[in-house]
PDB file of all heavy atoms in Angstrom:
ATOM      1  N   GLU A   1      75.717 145.168  75.285  1.00  0.00           N
ATOM      2  CA  GLU A   1      75.587 145.040  73.842  1.00  0.00           C
ATOM      3  C   GLU A   1      75.850 146.338  73.088  1.00  0.00           C
ATOM      4  O   GLU A   1      75.954 146.325  71.865  1.00  0.00           O
ATOM      5  CB  GLU A   1      74.182 144.521  73.484  1.00  0.00           C
ATOM      6  CG  GLU A   1      73.887 143.124  74.014  1.00  0.00           C
ATOM      7  CD  GLU A   1      72.508 142.616  73.597  1.00  0.00           C
ATOM      8  OE1 GLU A   1      71.870 143.263  72.740  1.00  0.00           O
ATOM      9  OE2 GLU A   1      72.085 141.581  74.143  1.00  0.00           O
ATOM     10  N   ALA A   2      75.967 147.450  73.803  1.00  0.00           N
ATOM     11  CA  ALA A   2      76.128 148.741  73.134  1.00  0.00           C
ATOM     12  C   ALA A   2      77.521 149.337  73.317  1.00  0.00           C
ATOM     13  O   ALA A   2      77.994 150.096  72.468  1.00  0.00           O
ATOM     14  CB  ALA A   2      75.075 149.728  73.638  1.00  0.00           C
ATOM     15  N   ILE A   3      78.180 149.028  74.415  1.00  0.00           N
ATOM     16  CA  ILE A   3      79.510 149.566  74.698  1.00  0.00           C
ATOM     17  C   ILE A   3      80.547 148.554  74.231  1.00  0.00           C
ATOM     18  O   ILE A   3      80.464 147.369  74.548  1.00  0.00           O
ATOM     19  CB  ILE A   3      79.678 149.860  76.195  1.00  0.00           C
ATOM     20  CG1 ILE A   3      78.586 150.828  76.674  1.00  0.00           C
ATOM     21  CG2 ILE A   3      81.060 150.434  76.497  1.00  0.00           C
ATOM     22  CD1 ILE A   3      78.546 151.018  78.186  1.00  0.00           C
ATOM     23  N   THR A   4      81.532 149.006  73.476  1.00  0.00           N
ATOM     24  CA  THR A   4      82.527 148.097  72.905  1.00  0.00           C
ATOM     25  C   THR A   4      83.652 147.813  73.898  1.00  0.00           C
ATOM     26  O   THR A   4      83.855 148.556  74.867  1.00  0.00           O
ATOM     27  CB  THR A   4      83.133 148.692  71.627  1.00  0.00           C
ATOM     28  OG1 THR A   4      83.921 149.852  71.977  1.00  0.00           O
ATOM     29  CG2 THR A   4      82.035 149.095  70.637  1.00  0.00           C
ATOM     30  N   GLU A   5      84.404 146.754  73.618  1.00  0.00           N
ATOM     31  CA  GLU A   5      85.557 146.425  74.457  1.00  0.00           C
ATOM     32  C   GLU A   5      86.603 147.541  74.395  1.00  0.00           C
ATOM     33  O   GLU A   5      87.293 147.803  75.385  1.00  0.00           O
ATOM     34  CB  GLU A   5      86.166 145.099  74.013  1.00  0.00           C
ATOM     35  CG  GLU A   5      85.390 143.872  74.484  1.00  0.00           C
ATOM     36  CD  GLU A   5      85.326 143.785  76.002  1.00  0.00           C
ATOM     37  OE1 GLU A   5      86.383 143.797  76.661  1.00  0.00           O
ATOM     38  OE2 GLU A   5      84.200 143.720  76.539  1.00  0.00           O
ATOM     39  N   THR A   6      86.694 148.189  73.246  1.00  0.00           N
ATOM     40  CA  THR A   6      87.619 149.324  73.135  1.00  0.00           C
ATOM     41  C   THR A   6      87.216 150.450  74.080  1.00  0.00           C
ATOM     42  O   THR A   6      88.064 151.055  74.753  1.00  0.00           O
ATOM     43  CB  THR A   6      87.648 149.847  71.687  1.00  0.00           C
ATOM     44  OG1 THR A   6      88.080 148.809  70.813  1.00  0.00           O
ATOM     45  CG2 THR A   6      88.584 151.036  71.558  1.00  0.00           C
ATOM     46  N   ASP A   7      85.908 150.709  74.159  1.00  0.00           N
ATOM     47  CA  ASP A   7      85.421 151.746  75.078  1.00  0.00           C
ATOM     48  C   ASP A   7      85.718 151.374  76.523  1.00  0.00           C
ATOM     49  O   ASP A   7      86.147 152.225  77.325  1.00  0.00           O
ATOM     50  CB  ASP A   7      83.917 151.948  74.896  1.00  0.00           C
ATOM     51  CG  ASP A   7      83.564 152.545  73.542  1.00  0.00           C
ATOM     52  OD1 ASP A   7      84.413 153.252  72.979  1.00  0.00           O
ATOM     53  OD2 ASP A   7      82.451 152.281  73.057  1.00  0.00           O
ATOM     54  N   PHE A   8      85.469 150.100  76.873  1.00  0.00           N
ATOM     55  CA  PHE A   8      85.765 149.643  78.236  1.00  0.00           C
ATOM     56  C   PHE A   8      87.245 149.854  78.557  1.00  0.00           C
ATOM     57  O   PHE A   8      87.604 150.357  79.622  1.00  0.00           O
ATOM     58  CB  PHE A   8      85.412 148.162  78.399  1.00  0.00           C
ATOM     59  CG  PHE A   8      83.946 147.874  78.518  1.00  0.00           C
ATOM     60  CD1 PHE A   8      83.344 146.946  77.683  1.00  0.00           C
ATOM     61  CD2 PHE A   8      83.166 148.507  79.462  1.00  0.00           C
ATOM     62  CE1 PHE A   8      81.992 146.652  77.788  1.00  0.00           C
ATOM     63  CE2 PHE A   8      81.814 148.232  79.581  1.00  0.00           C
ATOM     64  CZ  PHE A   8      81.229 147.307  78.741  1.00  0.00           C
ATOM     65  N   ALA A   9      88.117 149.438  77.631  1.00  0.00           N
ATOM     66  CA  ALA A   9      89.555 149.525  77.861  1.00  0.00           C
ATOM     67  C   ALA A   9      90.006 150.970  78.003  1.00  0.00           C
ATOM     68  O   ALA A   9      90.861 151.298  78.842  1.00  0.00           O
ATOM     69  CB  ALA A   9      90.308 148.833  76.725  1.00  0.00           C
ATOM     70  N   GLN A  10      89.433 151.862  77.190  1.00  0.00           N
ATOM     71  CA  GLN A  10      89.812 153.274  77.278  1.00  0.00           C
ATOM     72  C   GLN A  10      89.418 153.876  78.615  1.00  0.00           C
ATOM     73  O   GLN A  10      90.187 154.641  79.222  1.00  0.00           O
ATOM     74  CB  GLN A  10      89.172 154.050  76.128  1.00  0.00           C
ATOM     75  CG  GLN A  10      89.798 153.760  74.768  1.00  0.00           C
ATOM     76  CD  GLN A  10      89.094 154.474  73.628  1.00  0.00           C
ATOM     77  OE1 GLN A  10      87.958 154.952  73.779  1.00  0.00           O
ATOM     78  NE2 GLN A  10      89.734 154.548  72.472  1.00  0.00           N
ATOM     79  N   LEU A  11      88.223 153.535  79.093  1.00  0.00           N
ATOM     80  CA  LEU A  11      87.790 154.051  80.396  1.00  0.00           C
ATOM     81  C   LEU A  11      88.615 153.457  81.524  1.00  0.00           C
ATOM     82  O   LEU A  11      88.977 154.152  82.477  1.00  0.00           O
ATOM     83  CB  LEU A  11      86.305 153.748  80.604  1.00  0.00           C
ATOM     84  CG  LEU A  11      85.334 154.655  79.847  1.00  0.00           C
ATOM     85  CD1 LEU A  11      83.928 154.077  79.861  1.00  0.00           C
ATOM     86  CD2 LEU A  11      85.338 156.061  80.448  1.00  0.00           C
ATOM     87  N   LYS A  12      88.918 152.176  81.425  1.00  0.00           N
ATOM     88  CA  LYS A  12      89.706 151.514  82.460  1.00  0.00           C
ATOM     89  C   LYS A  12      91.100 152.132  82.571  1.00  0.00           C
ATOM     90  O   LYS A  12      91.644 152.283  83.661  1.00  0.00           O
ATOM     91  CB  LYS A  12      89.823 150.029  82.118  1.00  0.00           C
ATOM     92  CG  LYS A  12      90.817 149.240  82.967  1.00  0.00           C
ATOM     93  CD  LYS A  12      90.210 148.720  84.223  1.00  0.00           C
ATOM     94  CE  LYS A  12      91.152 147.749  84.920  1.00  0.00           C
ATOM     95  NZ  LYS A  12      90.548 147.086  86.064  1.00  0.00           N
ATOM     96  N   ASN A  13      91.684 152.488  81.426  1.00  0.00           N
ATOM     97  CA  ASN A  13      93.081 152.916  81.403  1.00  0.00           C
ATOM     98  C   ASN A  13      93.260 154.426  81.250  1.00  0.00           C
ATOM     99  O   ASN A  13      94.377 154.892  81.057  1.00  0.00           O
ATOM    100  CB  ASN A  13      93.812 152.189  80.270  1.00  0.00           C
ATOM    101  CG  ASN A  13      94.025 150.724  80.588  1.00  0.00           C
ATOM    102  OD1 ASN A  13      94.876 150.370  81.391  1.00  0.00           O
ATOM    103  ND2 ASN A  13      93.225 149.869  79.962  1.00  0.00           N
ATOM    104  N   LYS A  14      92.172 155.173  81.343  1.00  0.00           N
ATOM    105  CA  LYS A  14      92.302 156.626  81.330  1.00  0.00           C
ATOM    106  C   LYS A  14      93.002 157.064  82.615  1.00  0.00           C
ATOM    107  O   LYS A  14      92.522 156.788  83.720  1.00  0.00           O
ATOM    108  CB  LYS A  14      90.920 157.278  81.247  1.00  0.00           C
ATOM    109  CG  LYS A  14      90.957 158.796  81.268  1.00  0.00           C
ATOM    110  CD  LYS A  14      89.539 159.369  81.242  1.00  0.00           C
ATOM    111  CE  LYS A  14      89.556 160.880  81.341  1.00  0.00           C
ATOM    112  NZ  LYS A  14      88.175 161.435  81.374  1.00  0.00           N
ATOM    113  N   PRO A  15      94.154 157.719  82.520  1.00  0.00           N
ATOM    114  CA  PRO A  15      94.897 158.070  83.742  1.00  0.00           C
ATOM    115  C   PRO A  15      94.184 159.154  84.538  1.00  0.00           C
ATOM    116  O   PRO A  15      93.807 160.196  83.980  1.00  0.00           O
ATOM    117  CB  PRO A  15      96.235 158.576  83.200  1.00  0.00           C
ATOM    118  CG  PRO A  15      95.952 159.019  81.802  1.00  0.00           C
ATOM    119  CD  PRO A  15      94.862 158.131  81.291  1.00  0.00           C
ATOM    120  N   PRO A  16      93.967 158.938  85.822  1.00  0.00           N
ATOM    121  CA  PRO A  16      93.364 159.987  86.655  1.00  0.00           C
ATOM    122  C   PRO A  16      94.297 161.201  86.739  1.00  0.00           C
ATOM    123  O   PRO A  16      95.513 161.090  86.589  1.00  0.00           O
ATOM    124  CB  PRO A  16      93.207 159.317  88.028  1.00  0.00           C
ATOM    125  CG  PRO A  16      93.322 157.850  87.769  1.00  0.00           C
ATOM    126  CD  PRO A  16      94.224 157.708  86.586  1.00  0.00           C
ATOM    127  N   THR A  17      93.715 162.356  86.960  1.00  0.00           N
ATOM    128  CA  THR A  17      94.521 163.559  87.147  1.00  0.00           C
ATOM    129  C   THR A  17      95.221 163.494  88.502  1.00  0.00           C
ATOM    130  O   THR A  17      94.804 162.741  89.392  1.00  0.00           O
ATOM    131  CB  THR A  17      93.640 164.813  87.102  1.00  0.00           C
ATOM    132  OG1 THR A  17      92.754 164.801  88.239  1.00  0.00           O
ATOM    133  CG2 THR A  17      92.819 164.862  85.816  1.00  0.00           C
ATOM    134  N   PRO A  18      96.282 164.271  88.690  1.00  0.00           N
ATOM    135  CA  PRO A  18      96.943 164.293  90.010  1.00  0.00           C
ATOM    136  C   PRO A  18      95.968 164.646  91.136  1.00  0.00           C
ATOM    137  O   PRO A  18      96.059 164.088  92.247  1.00  0.00           O
ATOM    138  CB  PRO A  18      98.029 165.366  89.832  1.00  0.00           C
ATOM    139  CG  PRO A  18      98.339 165.348  88.367  1.00  0.00           C
ATOM    140  CD  PRO A  18      97.029 165.078  87.694  1.00  0.00           C
ATOM    141  N   GLU A  19      95.033 165.546  90.854  1.00  0.00           N
ATOM    142  CA  GLU A  19      94.052 165.929  91.884  1.00  0.00           C
ATOM    143  C   GLU A  19      93.148 164.748  92.231  1.00  0.00           C
ATOM    144  O   GLU A  19      92.814 164.535  93.418  1.00  0.00           O
ATOM    145  CB  GLU A  19      93.207 167.110  91.403  1.00  0.00           C
ATOM    146  CG  GLU A  19      93.963 168.419  91.233  1.00  0.00           C
ATOM    147  CD  GLU A  19      94.805 168.475  89.953  1.00  0.00           C
ATOM    148  OE1 GLU A  19      94.616 167.574  89.084  1.00  0.00           O
ATOM    149  OE2 GLU A  19      95.619 169.388  89.829  1.00  0.00           O
ATOM    150  N   GLN A  20      92.737 163.993  91.236  1.00  0.00           N
ATOM    151  CA  GLN A  20      91.885 162.823  91.486  1.00  0.00           C
ATOM    152  C   GLN A  20      92.643 161.765  92.269  1.00  0.00           C
ATOM    153  O   GLN A  20      92.096 161.141  93.188  1.00  0.00           O
ATOM    154  CB  GLN A  20      91.383 162.263  90.158  1.00  0.00           C
ATOM    155  CG  GLN A  20      90.366 163.157  89.458  1.00  0.00           C
ATOM    156  CD  GLN A  20      90.059 162.705  88.048  1.00  0.00           C
ATOM    157  OE1 GLN A  20      90.881 162.077  87.376  1.00  0.00           O
ATOM    158  NE2 GLN A  20      88.862 163.022  87.565  1.00  0.00           N
ATOM    159  N   ILE A  21      93.892 161.548  91.930  1.00  0.00           N
ATOM    160  CA  ILE A  21      94.708 160.575  92.658  1.00  0.00           C
ATOM    161  C   ILE A  21      94.875 160.989  94.114  1.00  0.00           C
ATOM    162  O   ILE A  21      94.717 160.176  95.039  1.00  0.00           O
ATOM    163  CB  ILE A  21      96.077 160.405  91.973  1.00  0.00           C
ATOM    164  CG1 ILE A  21      95.905 159.687  90.631  1.00  0.00           C
ATOM    165  CG2 ILE A  21      97.034 159.613  92.871  1.00  0.00           C
ATOM    166  CD1 ILE A  21      97.188 159.544  89.840  1.00  0.00           C
ATOM    167  N   ASP A  22      95.151 162.270  94.330  1.00  0.00           N
ATOM    168  CA  ASP A  22      95.306 162.747  95.706  1.00  0.00           C
ATOM    169  C   ASP A  22      94.014 162.559  96.488  1.00  0.00           C
ATOM    170  O   ASP A  22      94.038 162.147  97.661  1.00  0.00           O
ATOM    171  CB  ASP A  22      95.704 164.227  95.710  1.00  0.00           C
ATOM    172  CG  ASP A  22      97.144 164.446  95.280  1.00  0.00           C
ATOM    173  OD1 ASP A  22      97.914 163.464  95.264  1.00  0.00           O
ATOM    174  OD2 ASP A  22      97.486 165.601  94.937  1.00  0.00           O
ATOM    175  N   SER A  23      92.890 162.851  95.866  1.00  0.00           N
ATOM    176  CA  SER A  23      91.601 162.734  96.548  1.00  0.00           C
ATOM    177  C   SER A  23      91.338 161.300  96.989  1.00  0.00           C
ATOM    178  O   SER A  23      90.876 161.056  98.110  1.00  0.00           O
ATOM    179  CB  SER A  23      90.482 163.212  95.622  1.00  0.00           C
ATOM    180  OG  SER A  23      89.225 163.085  96.248  1.00  0.00           O
ATOM    181  N   ILE A  24      91.661 160.342  96.131  1.00  0.00           N
ATOM    182  CA  ILE A  24      91.390 158.930  96.438  1.00  0.00           C
ATOM    183  C   ILE A  24      92.409 158.346  97.397  1.00  0.00           C
ATOM    184  O   ILE A  24      92.076 157.510  98.247  1.00  0.00           O
ATOM    185  CB  ILE A  24      91.344 158.108  95.131  1.00  0.00           C
ATOM    186  CG1 ILE A  24      90.118 158.503  94.297  1.00  0.00           C
ATOM    187  CG2 ILE A  24      91.324 156.606  95.421  1.00  0.00           C
ATOM    188  CD1 ILE A  24      90.053 157.842  92.933  1.00  0.00           C
ATOM    189  N   PHE A  25      93.672 158.800  97.321  1.00  0.00           N
ATOM    190  CA  PHE A  25      94.740 158.105  98.056  1.00  0.00           C
ATOM    191  C   PHE A  25      95.308 158.865  99.255  1.00  0.00           C
ATOM    192  O   PHE A  25      96.026 158.277 100.059  1.00  0.00           O
ATOM    193  CB  PHE A  25      95.895 157.774  97.098  1.00  0.00           C
ATOM    194  CG  PHE A  25      95.561 156.690  96.116  1.00  0.00           C
ATOM    195  CD1 PHE A  25      95.137 157.010  94.841  1.00  0.00           C
ATOM    196  CD2 PHE A  25      95.664 155.353  96.469  1.00  0.00           C
ATOM    197  CE1 PHE A  25      94.819 156.019  93.927  1.00  0.00           C
ATOM    198  CE2 PHE A  25      95.345 154.349  95.571  1.00  0.00           C
ATOM    199  CZ  PHE A  25      94.920 154.675  94.291  1.00  0.00           C
ATOM    200  N   ASN A  26      95.006 160.141  99.416  1.00  0.00           N
ATOM    201  CA  ASN A  26      95.641 160.893 100.501  1.00  0.00           C
ATOM    202  C   ASN A  26      95.278 160.382 101.887  1.00  0.00           C
ATOM    203  O   ASN A  26      96.031 160.606 102.834  1.00  0.00           O
ATOM    204  CB  ASN A  26      95.307 162.384 100.388  1.00  0.00           C
ATOM    205  CG  ASN A  26      96.263 163.107  99.448  1.00  0.00           C
ATOM    206  OD1 ASN A  26      97.203 162.514  98.924  1.00  0.00           O
ATOM    207  ND2 ASN A  26      96.012 164.393  99.224  1.00  0.00           N
ATOM    208  N   HIS A  27      94.124 159.735 102.049  1.00  0.00           N
ATOM    209  CA  HIS A  27      93.747 159.216 103.364  1.00  0.00           C
ATOM    210  C   HIS A  27      94.138 157.738 103.520  1.00  0.00           C
ATOM    211  O   HIS A  27      93.714 157.092 104.478  1.00  0.00           O
ATOM    212  CB  HIS A  27      92.236 159.388 103.588  1.00  0.00           C
ATOM    213  CG  HIS A  27      91.378 158.701 102.560  1.00  0.00           C
ATOM    214  ND1 HIS A  27      91.230 159.187 101.281  1.00  0.00           N
ATOM    215  CD2 HIS A  27      90.627 157.573 102.621  1.00  0.00           C
ATOM    216  CE1 HIS A  27      90.419 158.402 100.599  1.00  0.00           C
ATOM    217  NE2 HIS A  27      90.044 157.414 101.389  1.00  0.00           N
ATOM    218  N   ARG A  28      94.943 157.245 102.583  1.00  0.00           N
ATOM    219  CA  ARG A  28      95.417 155.866 102.631  1.00  0.00           C
ATOM    220  C   ARG A  28      96.919 155.836 102.916  1.00  0.00           C
ATOM    221  O   ARG A  28      97.616 156.849 102.726  1.00  0.00           O
ATOM    222  CB  ARG A  28      95.143 155.163 101.296  1.00  0.00           C
ATOM    223  CG  ARG A  28      93.688 154.908 101.019  1.00  0.00           C
ATOM    224  CD  ARG A  28      93.518 154.153  99.683  1.00  0.00           C
ATOM    225  NE  ARG A  28      92.245 153.452  99.652  1.00  0.00           N
ATOM    226  CZ  ARG A  28      91.102 154.017  99.314  1.00  0.00           C
ATOM    227  NH1 ARG A  28      91.075 155.289  98.972  1.00  0.00           N
ATOM    228  NH2 ARG A  28      89.979 153.324  99.347  1.00  0.00           N
ATOM    229  N   PRO A  29      97.439 154.682 103.316  1.00  0.00           N
ATOM    230  CA  PRO A  29      98.887 154.571 103.462  1.00  0.00           C
ATOM    231  C   PRO A  29      99.599 154.879 102.146  1.00  0.00           C
ATOM    232  O   PRO A  29      99.103 154.545 101.064  1.00  0.00           O
ATOM    233  CB  PRO A  29      99.095 153.101 103.869  1.00  0.00           C
ATOM    234  CG  PRO A  29      97.787 152.686 104.487  1.00  0.00           C
ATOM    235  CD  PRO A  29      96.734 153.455 103.742  1.00  0.00           C
TER     236      PRO A  29
END
């Protein structure tokens, strides 16, 4: 009831930094 759909969408679509992407995906195919 306090967080708006706009806030949800912004957090969902905030692009991770290259370092964050590497951290999450480097141990994956």
